[in-house]
Amino acid sequence: MSAAPRIRPPAVPAGGVLGVCAPSGPVNPERLASGLAALTRLGFDVRLAPGILERRGYLAGDDHTRARDLLGFLEDPAVHAILCARGGYGAMRLLPELGDAAWAKRAKPLVGFSDITALHQLLARDGVVSFHGMLVESPDGGPPEANLRSLVAALTTAAPLGQLAWPKEGPEPVCLHPGRAEGPLVGGNVSLLVATLGTPWALSAARCLLLLEDVGERPYNLDRYLTQLLIGGHLDEVAGFIVGELVDCGGPAGEPTALEVVAERLAPLGKPCLANLPLGHGPHKLTVPLGVRAALDADAGGLTFLEPALS
């Protein structure tokens, strides 16, 4: 479920401890080192999970190891927030082992996106705010400064974050349907949201702003995902839509583009829909809180957070 969370984790103090783990796919050590260096430059104390460099095919170690590392950071009072090294696949496999409301008892910020959407759904069910944002693995040179500024603000600010700060070189917003709407922000990766349907962690977006993003999906796959959400009634009471960058989601000449598919499926609902935000798999990966009330102005291309995400 994705009911509006009411549990706000404590803000990370200056020089706080960030635990980095790999709940999904295997980690590239060089790209991990690049991201870790950037976090260290920001003044954080970064700690790595014991099994972060393990590999089991397309997973970063077996399920027990990945769940152990995640819960270890959650239970360690010295760790202030948990960052995910990368996405890929595997977080859904951990949900049964993690699904005992442990996060509601301890409430620490969790940051990640893509496959980490499965964990965001877990926290939403437990009523805990989490953060859709950059993963630690980064190309040489580290993540863009806009990503780092956004991460720091999200993790350390106990006041409303206000309007989303658009990167100077970020993508141009596209209004797919005009209007304004308010509600808690929920959602994440489209394919993961669809994969959770029929489980205890399924999407529930009534009266919410629904964030959707994806990577490497042909337009007909996006059509399939959105159609399943539509005919299943999961979008009936959504207040508005926020679509992140749809990276590498093109098809052969003659096919609709990814944005054309999204517009065709969502615009007829008559709800505000703003697309091409710097949230997702593009180079600009801003960090935004899930479960926090926000205001969408699709005409002006703005998203403003109205409530604090952290205590």
C-alpha atoms as a PDB file:
ATOM      1  CA  MET A   1       0.000   0.000   0.000  1.00  0.00           C
ATOM      2  CA  SER A   2       1.051   3.628  -0.451  1.00  0.00           C
ATOM      3  CA  ALA A   3      -1.034   5.445   2.119  1.00  0.00           C
ATOM      4  CA  ALA A   4       0.405   8.805   3.153  1.00  0.00           C
ATOM      5  CA  PRO A   5       3.163   8.098   5.681  1.00  0.00           C
ATOM      6  CA  ARG A   6       3.089   9.825   9.035  1.00  0.00           C
ATOM      7  CA  ILE A   7       6.463   8.666  10.379  1.00  0.00           C
ATOM      8  CA  ARG A   8       9.239  11.124   9.538  1.00  0.00           C
ATOM      9  CA  PRO A   9      12.795   9.893  10.199  1.00  0.00           C
ATOM     10  CA  PRO A  10      15.244  12.151  12.047  1.00  0.00           C
ATOM     11  CA  ALA A  11      17.364  14.495   9.943  1.00  0.00           C
ATOM     12  CA  VAL A  12      20.992  13.492   9.396  1.00  0.00           C
ATOM     13  CA  PRO A  13      23.321  15.697  11.496  1.00  0.00           C
ATOM     14  CA  ALA A  14      26.395  17.435  10.125  1.00  0.00           C
ATOM     15  CA  GLY A  15      29.095  14.803   9.599  1.00  0.00           C
ATOM     16  CA  GLY A  16      26.497  12.073  10.089  1.00  0.00           C
ATOM     17  CA  VAL A  17      26.990   8.424   9.221  1.00  0.00           C
ATOM     18  CA  LEU A  18      25.659   7.099   5.917  1.00  0.00           C
ATOM     19  CA  GLY A  19      25.427   3.330   5.536  1.00  0.00           C
ATOM     20  CA  VAL A  20      25.813   2.123   1.954  1.00  0.00           C
ATOM     21  CA  CYS A  21      24.424  -1.292   1.009  1.00  0.00           C
ATOM     22  CA  ALA A  22      23.461  -3.228  -2.133  1.00  0.00           C
ATOM     23  CA  PRO A  23      19.946  -4.707  -1.862  1.00  0.00           C
ATOM     24  CA  SER A  24      19.657  -5.338  -5.596  1.00  0.00           C
ATOM     25  CA  GLY A  25      22.228  -5.983  -8.336  1.00  0.00           C
ATOM     26  CA  PRO A  26      26.007  -6.483  -8.045  1.00  0.00           C
ATOM     27  CA  VAL A  27      28.180  -3.426  -7.520  1.00  0.00           C
ATOM     28  CA  ASN A  28      30.940  -2.101  -9.770  1.00  0.00           C
ATOM     29  CA  PRO A  29      33.835  -1.354  -7.353  1.00  0.00           C
ATOM     30  CA  GLU A  30      35.261   1.543  -9.415  1.00  0.00           C
ATOM     31  CA  ARG A  31      31.914   3.280  -9.825  1.00  0.00           C
ATOM     32  CA  LEU A  32      31.178   2.704  -6.155  1.00  0.00           C
ATOM     33  CA  ALA A  33      34.491   4.325  -5.180  1.00  0.00           C
ATOM     34  CA  SER A  34      33.647   7.379  -7.283  1.00  0.00           C
ATOM     35  CA  GLY A  35      30.349   7.870  -5.492  1.00  0.00           C
ATOM     36  CA  LEU A  36      31.845   7.236  -2.069  1.00  0.00           C
ATOM     37  CA  ALA A  37      34.501   9.874  -2.683  1.00  0.00           C
ATOM     38  CA  ALA A  38      31.796  12.424  -3.457  1.00  0.00           C
ATOM     39  CA  LEU A  39      29.907  11.625  -0.248  1.00  0.00           C
ATOM     40  CA  THR A  40      33.097  11.881   1.791  1.00  0.00           C
ATOM     41  CA  ARG A  41      33.857  15.297   0.272  1.00  0.00           C
ATOM     42  CA  LEU A  42      30.469  16.434   1.531  1.00  0.00           C
ATOM     43  CA  GLY A  43      31.611  15.726   5.077  1.00  0.00           C
ATOM     44  CA  PHE A  44      29.678  12.531   5.755  1.00  0.00           C
ATOM     45  CA  ASP A  45      31.132   9.482   7.472  1.00  0.00           C
ATOM     46  CA  VAL A  46      30.451   6.652   5.007  1.00  0.00           C
ATOM     47  CA  ARG A  47      30.287   3.010   6.070  1.00  0.00           C
ATOM     48  CA  LEU A  48      29.996   0.034   3.740  1.00  0.00           C
ATOM     49  CA  ALA A  49      27.855  -3.020   4.361  1.00  0.00           C
ATOM     50  CA  PRO A  50      29.927  -6.188   4.918  1.00  0.00           C
ATOM     51  CA  GLY A  51      28.548  -7.897   1.816  1.00  0.00           C
ATOM     52  CA  ILE A  52      28.453  -4.934  -0.540  1.00  0.00           C
ATOM     53  CA  LEU A  53      30.914  -6.422  -3.036  1.00  0.00           C
ATOM     54  CA  GLU A  54      29.471  -9.931  -3.048  1.00  0.00           C
ATOM     55  CA  ARG A  55      28.065 -11.282  -6.293  1.00  0.00           C
ATOM     56  CA  ARG A  56      25.598 -14.032  -7.083  1.00  0.00           C
ATOM     57  CA  GLY A  57      24.894 -13.754 -10.781  1.00  0.00           C
ATOM     58  CA  TYR A  58      22.576 -10.782 -11.254  1.00  0.00           C
ATOM     59  CA  LEU A  59      22.322 -10.247  -7.463  1.00  0.00           C
ATOM     60  CA  ALA A  60      24.697  -8.578  -4.996  1.00  0.00           C
ATOM     61  CA  GLY A  61      24.975 -11.740  -2.921  1.00  0.00           C
ATOM     62  CA  ASP A  62      22.298 -14.101  -1.704  1.00  0.00           C
ATOM     63  CA  ASP A  63      19.021 -12.847  -0.257  1.00  0.00           C
ATOM     64  CA  HIS A  64      20.074 -13.431   3.346  1.00  0.00           C
ATOM     65  CA  THR A  65      23.260 -11.389   2.934  1.00  0.00           C
ATOM     66  CA  ARG A  66      21.497  -8.464   1.310  1.00  0.00           C
ATOM     67  CA  ALA A  67      18.693  -8.437   3.884  1.00  0.00           C
ATOM     68  CA  ARG A  68      21.204  -8.803   6.733  1.00  0.00           C
ATOM     69  CA  ASP A  69      23.188  -5.793   5.517  1.00  0.00           C
ATOM     70  CA  LEU A  70      20.093  -3.636   5.180  1.00  0.00           C
ATOM     71  CA  LEU A  71      18.692  -4.581   8.584  1.00  0.00           C
ATOM     72  CA  GLY A  72      22.125  -4.262  10.159  1.00  0.00           C
ATOM     73  CA  PHE A  73      22.290  -0.600   9.214  1.00  0.00           C
ATOM     74  CA  LEU A  74      18.690  -0.098  10.311  1.00  0.00           C
ATOM     75  CA  GLU A  75      19.409  -1.517  13.761  1.00  0.00           C
ATOM     76  CA  ASP A  76      22.788   0.225  14.216  1.00  0.00           C
ATOM     77  CA  PRO A  77      22.186   3.416  16.255  1.00  0.00           C
ATOM     78  CA  ALA A  78      25.397   4.945  14.880  1.00  0.00           C
ATOM     79  CA  VAL A  79      24.040   4.958  11.291  1.00  0.00           C
ATOM     80  CA  HIS A  80      21.825   7.950  10.467  1.00  0.00           C
ATOM     81  CA  ALA A  81      20.676   7.095   6.919  1.00  0.00           C
ATOM     82  CA  ILE A  82      20.896   4.243   4.421  1.00  0.00           C
ATOM     83  CA  LEU A  83      21.906   4.764   0.795  1.00  0.00           C
ATOM     84  CA  CYS A  84      21.640   2.107  -1.891  1.00  0.00           C
ATOM     85  CA  ALA A  85      24.661   1.472  -4.090  1.00  0.00           C
ATOM     86  CA  ARG A  86      22.737   0.605  -7.256  1.00  0.00           C
ATOM     87  CA  GLY A  87      19.509  -0.767  -8.682  1.00  0.00           C
ATOM     88  CA  GLY A  88      19.249  -3.620 -11.139  1.00  0.00           C
ATOM     89  CA  TYR A  89      17.099  -6.387  -9.710  1.00  0.00           C
ATOM     90  CA  GLY A  90      16.643  -8.154  -6.393  1.00  0.00           C
ATOM     91  CA  ALA A  91      14.993  -5.830  -3.860  1.00  0.00           C
ATOM     92  CA  MET A  92      11.578  -7.487  -4.298  1.00  0.00           C
ATOM     93  CA  ARG A  93      13.063 -10.795  -3.173  1.00  0.00           C
ATOM     94  CA  LEU A  94      13.798  -9.230   0.228  1.00  0.00           C
ATOM     95  CA  LEU A  95      10.300  -7.923   0.966  1.00  0.00           C
ATOM     96  CA  PRO A  96       9.000 -10.980   2.859  1.00  0.00           C
ATOM     97  CA  GLU A  97      12.052 -10.982   5.120  1.00  0.00           C
ATOM     98  CA  LEU A  98      11.852  -7.223   5.685  1.00  0.00           C
ATOM     99  CA  GLY A  99       8.095  -6.993   5.999  1.00  0.00           C
ATOM    100  CA  ASP A 100       7.691  -6.926   9.776  1.00  0.00           C
ATOM    101  CA  ALA A 101       7.340  -3.143  10.221  1.00  0.00           C
ATOM    102  CA  ALA A 102      10.968  -2.898  11.373  1.00  0.00           C
ATOM    103  CA  TRP A 103      11.381   0.460   9.654  1.00  0.00           C
ATOM    104  CA  ALA A 104       8.414   1.963  11.497  1.00  0.00           C
ATOM    105  CA  LYS A 105      10.107   1.118  14.797  1.00  0.00           C
ATOM    106  CA  ARG A 106      13.422   2.788  13.923  1.00  0.00           C
ATOM    107  CA  ALA A 107      12.660   5.216  11.054  1.00  0.00           C
ATOM    108  CA  LYS A 108      15.845   6.090   9.165  1.00  0.00           C
ATOM    109  CA  PRO A 109      16.003   7.785   5.765  1.00  0.00           C
ATOM    110  CA  LEU A 110      16.380   5.332   2.881  1.00  0.00           C
ATOM    111  CA  VAL A 111      17.590   6.725  -0.467  1.00  0.00           C
ATOM    112  CA  GLY A 112      17.487   5.071  -3.878  1.00  0.00           C
ATOM    113  CA  PHE A 113      15.419   4.632  -7.019  1.00  0.00           C
ATOM    114  CA  SER A 114      14.828   2.174  -9.878  1.00  0.00           C
ATOM    115  CA  ASP A 115      14.725  -1.330  -8.330  1.00  0.00           C
ATOM    116  CA  ILE A 116      14.706   0.332  -4.888  1.00  0.00           C
ATOM    117  CA  THR A 117      11.080   1.241  -5.649  1.00  0.00           C
ATOM    118  CA  ALA A 118      10.225  -2.133  -4.091  1.00  0.00           C
ATOM    119  CA  LEU A 119      11.716  -0.962  -0.778  1.00  0.00           C
ATOM    120  CA  HIS A 120       9.913   2.370  -1.037  1.00  0.00           C
ATOM    121  CA  GLN A 121       6.655   0.424  -1.300  1.00  0.00           C
ATOM    122  CA  LEU A 122       7.612  -1.489   1.846  1.00  0.00           C
ATOM    123  CA  LEU A 123       8.239   1.733   3.765  1.00  0.00           C
ATOM    124  CA  ALA A 124       5.056   3.314   2.446  1.00  0.00           C
ATOM    125  CA  ARG A 125       3.064   0.374   3.784  1.00  0.00           C
ATOM    126  CA  ASP A 126       4.761   0.844   7.162  1.00  0.00           C
ATOM    127  CA  GLY A 127       3.927   4.558   7.089  1.00  0.00           C
ATOM    128  CA  VAL A 128       7.520   5.826   6.791  1.00  0.00           C
ATOM    129  CA  VAL A 129       8.800   8.645   4.572  1.00  0.00           C
ATOM    130  CA  SER A 130      11.572   7.539   2.199  1.00  0.00           C
ATOM    131  CA  PHE A 131      13.571   9.228  -0.555  1.00  0.00           C
ATOM    132  CA  HIS A 132      13.536   8.644  -4.302  1.00  0.00           C
ATOM    133  CA  GLY A 133      17.024   9.773  -5.233  1.00  0.00           C
ATOM    134  CA  MET A 134      20.522   9.106  -6.488  1.00  0.00           C
ATOM    135  CA  LEU A 135      22.301   5.800  -6.084  1.00  0.00           C
ATOM    136  CA  VAL A 136      25.876   5.780  -4.827  1.00  0.00           C
ATOM    137  CA  GLU A 137      27.485   4.167  -7.881  1.00  0.00           C
ATOM    138  CA  SER A 138      28.686   6.997 -10.126  1.00  0.00           C
ATOM    139  CA  PRO A 139      30.720   7.402 -13.311  1.00  0.00           C
ATOM    140  CA  ASP A 140      34.272   8.772 -13.158  1.00  0.00           C
ATOM    141  CA  GLY A 141      34.228  12.271 -11.731  1.00  0.00           C
ATOM    142  CA  GLY A 142      31.299  11.533  -9.450  1.00  0.00           C
ATOM    143  CA  PRO A 143      27.663  12.622  -9.676  1.00  0.00           C
ATOM    144  CA  PRO A 144      26.645  16.108 -10.885  1.00  0.00           C
ATOM    145  CA  GLU A 145      26.727  18.799  -8.212  1.00  0.00           C
ATOM    146  CA  ALA A 146      22.979  19.307  -8.538  1.00  0.00           C
ATOM    147  CA  ASN A 147      22.439  15.689  -7.490  1.00  0.00           C
ATOM    148  CA  LEU A 148      24.682  16.110  -4.457  1.00  0.00           C
ATOM    149  CA  ARG A 149      23.075  19.392  -3.375  1.00  0.00           C
ATOM    150  CA  SER A 150      19.667  17.807  -3.645  1.00  0.00           C
ATOM    151  CA  LEU A 151      20.741  14.770  -1.606  1.00  0.00           C
ATOM    152  CA  VAL A 152      22.250  16.876   1.171  1.00  0.00           C
ATOM    153  CA  ALA A 153      19.167  19.092   1.383  1.00  0.00           C
ATOM    154  CA  ALA A 154      16.847  16.091   1.484  1.00  0.00           C
ATOM    155  CA  LEU A 155      18.808  14.303   4.239  1.00  0.00           C
ATOM    156  CA  THR A 156      19.530  17.269   6.511  1.00  0.00           C
ATOM    157  CA  THR A 157      16.471  19.547   6.281  1.00  0.00           C
ATOM    158  CA  ALA A 158      13.770  19.254   8.932  1.00  0.00           C
ATOM    159  CA  ALA A 159      11.629  21.922   7.250  1.00  0.00           C
ATOM    160  CA  PRO A 160       9.569  21.658   4.053  1.00  0.00           C
ATOM    161  CA  LEU A 161      11.900  21.368   1.060  1.00  0.00           C
ATOM    162  CA  GLY A 162       9.830  23.844  -0.953  1.00  0.00           C
ATOM    163  CA  GLN A 163      10.024  24.043  -4.734  1.00  0.00           C
ATOM    164  CA  LEU A 164      12.075  21.477  -6.604  1.00  0.00           C
ATOM    165  CA  ALA A 165      15.310  23.205  -7.660  1.00  0.00           C
ATOM    166  CA  TRP A 166      15.687  22.559 -11.381  1.00  0.00           C
ATOM    167  CA  PRO A 167      19.285  21.886 -12.533  1.00  0.00           C
ATOM    168  CA  LYS A 168      20.612  24.487 -14.990  1.00  0.00           C
ATOM    169  CA  GLU A 169      21.379  21.792 -17.548  1.00  0.00           C
ATOM    170  CA  GLY A 170      18.436  19.598 -16.654  1.00  0.00           C
ATOM    171  CA  PRO A 171      15.686  18.411 -19.015  1.00  0.00           C
ATOM    172  CA  GLU A 172      12.901  20.716 -20.149  1.00  0.00           C
ATOM    173  CA  PRO A 173       9.567  19.962 -18.453  1.00  0.00           C
ATOM    174  CA  VAL A 174       6.691  18.933 -20.689  1.00  0.00           C
ATOM    175  CA  CYS A 175       3.062  19.532 -19.707  1.00  0.00           C
ATOM    176  CA  LEU A 176       0.990  16.561 -20.866  1.00  0.00           C
ATOM    177  CA  HIS A 177      -2.193  17.862 -19.236  1.00  0.00           C
ATOM    178  CA  PRO A 178      -2.652  21.245 -17.533  1.00  0.00           C
ATOM    179  CA  GLY A 179      -3.837  21.902 -14.032  1.00  0.00           C
ATOM    180  CA  ARG A 180      -2.856  21.934 -10.391  1.00  0.00           C
ATOM    181  CA  ALA A 181      -3.119  19.230  -7.754  1.00  0.00           C
ATOM    182  CA  GLU A 182      -1.926  18.433  -4.242  1.00  0.00           C
ATOM    183  CA  GLY A 183      -1.259  15.201  -2.415  1.00  0.00           C
ATOM    184  CA  PRO A 184       1.469  12.982  -0.999  1.00  0.00           C
ATOM    185  CA  LEU A 185       4.074  11.975  -3.578  1.00  0.00           C
ATOM    186  CA  VAL A 186       4.194   8.208  -4.160  1.00  0.00           C
ATOM    187  CA  GLY A 187       5.483   5.832  -6.811  1.00  0.00           C
ATOM    188  CA  GLY A 188       8.758   5.359  -8.662  1.00  0.00           C
ATOM    189  CA  ASN A 189       9.824   2.911 -11.352  1.00  0.00           C
ATOM    190  CA  VAL A 190       6.841   1.912 -13.515  1.00  0.00           C
ATOM    191  CA  SER A 191       7.847  -1.710 -14.081  1.00  0.00           C
ATOM    192  CA  LEU A 192       8.489  -2.231 -10.350  1.00  0.00           C
ATOM    193  CA  LEU A 193       5.170  -0.672  -9.382  1.00  0.00           C
ATOM    194  CA  VAL A 194       3.371  -3.039 -11.745  1.00  0.00           C
ATOM    195  CA  ALA A 195       5.388  -5.989 -10.423  1.00  0.00           C
ATOM    196  CA  THR A 196       4.151  -5.312  -6.872  1.00  0.00           C
ATOM    197  CA  LEU A 197       0.476  -5.526  -7.854  1.00  0.00           C
ATOM    198  CA  GLY A 198      -1.215  -8.430  -6.120  1.00  0.00           C
ATOM    199  CA  THR A 199       1.285  -8.353  -3.232  1.00  0.00           C
ATOM    200  CA  PRO A 200       0.989  -6.794   0.249  1.00  0.00           C
ATOM    201  CA  TRP A 201       3.205  -3.967  -1.037  1.00  0.00           C
ATOM    202  CA  ALA A 202       1.079  -2.986  -4.027  1.00  0.00           C
ATOM    203  CA  LEU A 203       0.689   0.620  -5.127  1.00  0.00           C
ATOM    204  CA  SER A 204      -2.159   2.617  -3.592  1.00  0.00           C
ATOM    205  CA  ALA A 205      -2.190   6.141  -5.016  1.00  0.00           C
ATOM    206  CA  ALA A 206      -5.645   7.499  -4.213  1.00  0.00           C
ATOM    207  CA  ARG A 207      -5.523  11.291  -3.717  1.00  0.00           C
ATOM    208  CA  CYS A 208      -1.759  11.205  -4.284  1.00  0.00           C
ATOM    209  CA  LEU A 209       0.671  12.603  -6.828  1.00  0.00           C
ATOM    210  CA  LEU A 210       2.050   9.587  -8.677  1.00  0.00           C
ATOM    211  CA  LEU A 211       5.697   9.610  -9.791  1.00  0.00           C
ATOM    212  CA  LEU A 212       6.514   7.371 -12.759  1.00  0.00           C
ATOM    213  CA  GLU A 213       9.903   6.776 -14.424  1.00  0.00           C
ATOM    214  CA  ASP A 214      11.711   3.967 -16.221  1.00  0.00           C
ATOM    215  CA  VAL A 215      14.690   2.979 -18.355  1.00  0.00           C
ATOM    216  CA  GLY A 216      15.252   0.685 -21.328  1.00  0.00           C
ATOM    217  CA  GLU A 217      11.571  -0.088 -21.931  1.00  0.00           C
ATOM    218  CA  ARG A 218      10.162  -0.069 -25.460  1.00  0.00           C
ATOM    219  CA  PRO A 219       7.100   2.168 -25.877  1.00  0.00           C
ATOM    220  CA  TYR A 220       4.805  -0.870 -26.108  1.00  0.00           C
ATOM    221  CA  ASN A 221       6.111  -2.087 -22.733  1.00  0.00           C
ATOM    222  CA  LEU A 222       5.288   1.284 -21.163  1.00  0.00           C
ATOM    223  CA  ASP A 223       1.876   1.067 -22.823  1.00  0.00           C
ATOM    224  CA  ARG A 224       1.363  -2.385 -21.276  1.00  0.00           C
ATOM    225  CA  TYR A 225       2.354  -1.219 -17.785  1.00  0.00           C
ATOM    226  CA  LEU A 226       0.159   1.881 -17.891  1.00  0.00           C
ATOM    227  CA  THR A 227      -2.734  -0.050 -19.371  1.00  0.00           C
ATOM    228  CA  GLN A 228      -2.556  -2.603 -16.559  1.00  0.00           C
ATOM    229  CA  LEU A 229      -2.626   0.207 -13.993  1.00  0.00           C
ATOM    230  CA  LEU A 230      -5.541   1.819 -15.815  1.00  0.00           C
ATOM    231  CA  ILE A 231      -7.789  -1.191 -16.292  1.00  0.00           C
ATOM    232  CA  GLY A 232      -6.994  -2.387 -12.771  1.00  0.00           C
ATOM    233  CA  GLY A 233      -8.413   0.866 -11.389  1.00  0.00           C
ATOM    234  CA  HIS A 234      -5.123   1.852  -9.774  1.00  0.00           C
ATOM    235  CA  LEU A 235      -5.137   5.312 -11.385  1.00  0.00           C
ATOM    236  CA  ASP A 236      -8.813   6.191 -10.845  1.00  0.00           C
ATOM    237  CA  GLU A 237      -8.268   8.433  -7.830  1.00  0.00           C
ATOM    238  CA  VAL A 238      -4.755   9.712  -8.529  1.00  0.00           C
ATOM    239  CA  ALA A 239      -4.633  13.496  -8.013  1.00  0.00           C
ATOM    240  CA  GLY A 240      -1.917  14.164 -10.591  1.00  0.00           C
ATOM    241  CA  PHE A 241       1.021  12.634 -12.413  1.00  0.00           C
ATOM    242  CA  ILE A 242       4.738  13.423 -12.351  1.00  0.00           C
ATOM    243  CA  VAL A 243       6.761  11.632 -15.014  1.00  0.00           C
ATOM    244  CA  GLY A 244      10.539  11.459 -14.688  1.00  0.00           C
ATOM    245  CA  GLU A 245      12.913  11.042 -17.595  1.00  0.00           C
ATOM    246  CA  LEU A 246      12.173   7.941 -19.662  1.00  0.00           C
ATOM    247  CA  VAL A 247      15.728   7.000 -20.625  1.00  0.00           C
ATOM    248  CA  ASP A 248      16.466   4.681 -23.566  1.00  0.00           C
ATOM    249  CA  CYS A 249      12.748   4.038 -23.989  1.00  0.00           C
ATOM    250  CA  GLY A 250      12.586   4.639 -27.722  1.00  0.00           C
ATOM    251  CA  GLY A 251      11.522   2.244 -30.449  1.00  0.00           C
ATOM    252  CA  PRO A 252      11.872   1.825 -34.209  1.00  0.00           C
ATOM    253  CA  ALA A 253      10.841   4.577 -36.608  1.00  0.00           C
ATOM    254  CA  GLY A 254       7.094   4.734 -36.897  1.00  0.00           C
ATOM    255  CA  GLU A 255       6.387   3.750 -33.281  1.00  0.00           C
ATOM    256  CA  PRO A 256       5.035   6.331 -30.845  1.00  0.00           C
ATOM    257  CA  THR A 257       7.647   7.842 -28.555  1.00  0.00           C
ATOM    258  CA  ALA A 258       7.643   7.039 -24.859  1.00  0.00           C
ATOM    259  CA  LEU A 259       6.168  10.450 -24.015  1.00  0.00           C
ATOM    260  CA  GLU A 260       3.493  10.032 -26.676  1.00  0.00           C
ATOM    261  CA  VAL A 261       2.484   6.729 -25.089  1.00  0.00           C
ATOM    262  CA  VAL A 262       2.347   8.295 -21.630  1.00  0.00           C
ATOM    263  CA  ALA A 263       0.257  11.188 -22.937  1.00  0.00           C
ATOM    264  CA  GLU A 264      -2.116   8.834 -24.755  1.00  0.00           C
ATOM    265  CA  ARG A 265      -2.668   6.709 -21.663  1.00  0.00           C
ATOM    266  CA  LEU A 266      -2.729   9.392 -18.931  1.00  0.00           C
ATOM    267  CA  ALA A 267      -3.969  12.669 -20.456  1.00  0.00           C
ATOM    268  CA  PRO A 268      -7.541  11.376 -21.069  1.00  0.00           C
ATOM    269  CA  LEU A 269      -7.910  11.014 -17.296  1.00  0.00           C
ATOM    270  CA  GLY A 270      -8.094  14.818 -17.180  1.00  0.00           C
ATOM    271  CA  LYS A 271      -5.618  15.176 -14.330  1.00  0.00           C
ATOM    272  CA  PRO A 272      -2.530  17.414 -14.177  1.00  0.00           C
ATOM    273  CA  CYS A 273       0.439  15.643 -15.730  1.00  0.00           C
ATOM    274  CA  LEU A 274       3.964  17.052 -15.902  1.00  0.00           C
ATOM    275  CA  ALA A 275       6.658  15.025 -17.641  1.00  0.00           C
ATOM    276  CA  ASN A 276      10.419  14.993 -18.181  1.00  0.00           C
ATOM    277  CA  LEU A 277      11.390  15.913 -14.631  1.00  0.00           C
ATOM    278  CA  PRO A 278      14.998  15.298 -13.476  1.00  0.00           C
ATOM    279  CA  LEU A 279      13.928  12.301 -11.416  1.00  0.00           C
ATOM    280  CA  GLY A 280      15.116   8.895 -12.519  1.00  0.00           C
ATOM    281  CA  HIS A 281      17.692   7.421 -14.861  1.00  0.00           C
ATOM    282  CA  GLY A 282      18.911  10.580 -16.567  1.00  0.00           C
ATOM    283  CA  PRO A 283      22.167  12.271 -15.494  1.00  0.00           C
ATOM    284  CA  HIS A 284      20.234  14.553 -13.148  1.00  0.00           C
ATOM    285  CA  LYS A 285      18.808  12.491 -10.295  1.00  0.00           C
ATOM    286  CA  LEU A 286      17.332  14.840  -7.737  1.00  0.00           C
ATOM    287  CA  THR A 287      16.310  13.442  -4.346  1.00  0.00           C
ATOM    288  CA  VAL A 288      12.643  13.883  -3.410  1.00  0.00           C
ATOM    289  CA  PRO A 289      10.683  12.587  -0.415  1.00  0.00           C
ATOM    290  CA  LEU A 290       7.969   9.986  -0.909  1.00  0.00           C
ATOM    291  CA  GLY A 291       4.958  10.186   1.368  1.00  0.00           C
ATOM    292  CA  VAL A 292       5.206  13.964   1.826  1.00  0.00           C
ATOM    293  CA  ARG A 293       2.447  16.286   0.639  1.00  0.00           C
ATOM    294  CA  ALA A 294       3.391  18.280  -2.437  1.00  0.00           C
ATOM    295  CA  ALA A 295       1.779  20.682  -4.902  1.00  0.00           C
ATOM    296  CA  LEU A 296       1.998  20.118  -8.657  1.00  0.00           C
ATOM    297  CA  ASP A 297       1.557  22.988 -11.096  1.00  0.00           C
ATOM    298  CA  ALA A 298       1.688  21.348 -14.509  1.00  0.00           C
ATOM    299  CA  ASP A 299       1.167  24.639 -16.363  1.00  0.00           C
ATOM    300  CA  ALA A 300       4.147  26.350 -14.715  1.00  0.00           C
ATOM    301  CA  GLY A 301       6.286  23.196 -14.595  1.00  0.00           C
ATOM    302  CA  GLY A 302       6.653  23.253 -10.805  1.00  0.00           C
ATOM    303  CA  LEU A 303       6.636  20.767  -7.940  1.00  0.00           C
ATOM    304  CA  THR A 304       6.642  22.143  -4.373  1.00  0.00           C
ATOM    305  CA  PHE A 305       6.916  20.149  -1.144  1.00  0.00           C
ATOM    306  CA  LEU A 306       4.556  21.489   1.500  1.00  0.00           C
ATOM    307  CA  GLU A 307       5.440  19.393   4.544  1.00  0.00           C
ATOM    308  CA  PRO A 308       8.680  18.411   6.270  1.00  0.00           C
ATOM    309  CA  ALA A 309      10.082  15.018   5.285  1.00  0.00           C
ATOM    310  CA  LEU A 310      12.270  14.677   8.393  1.00  0.00           C
ATOM    311  CA  SER A 311      11.871  15.362  12.080  1.00  0.00           C
END
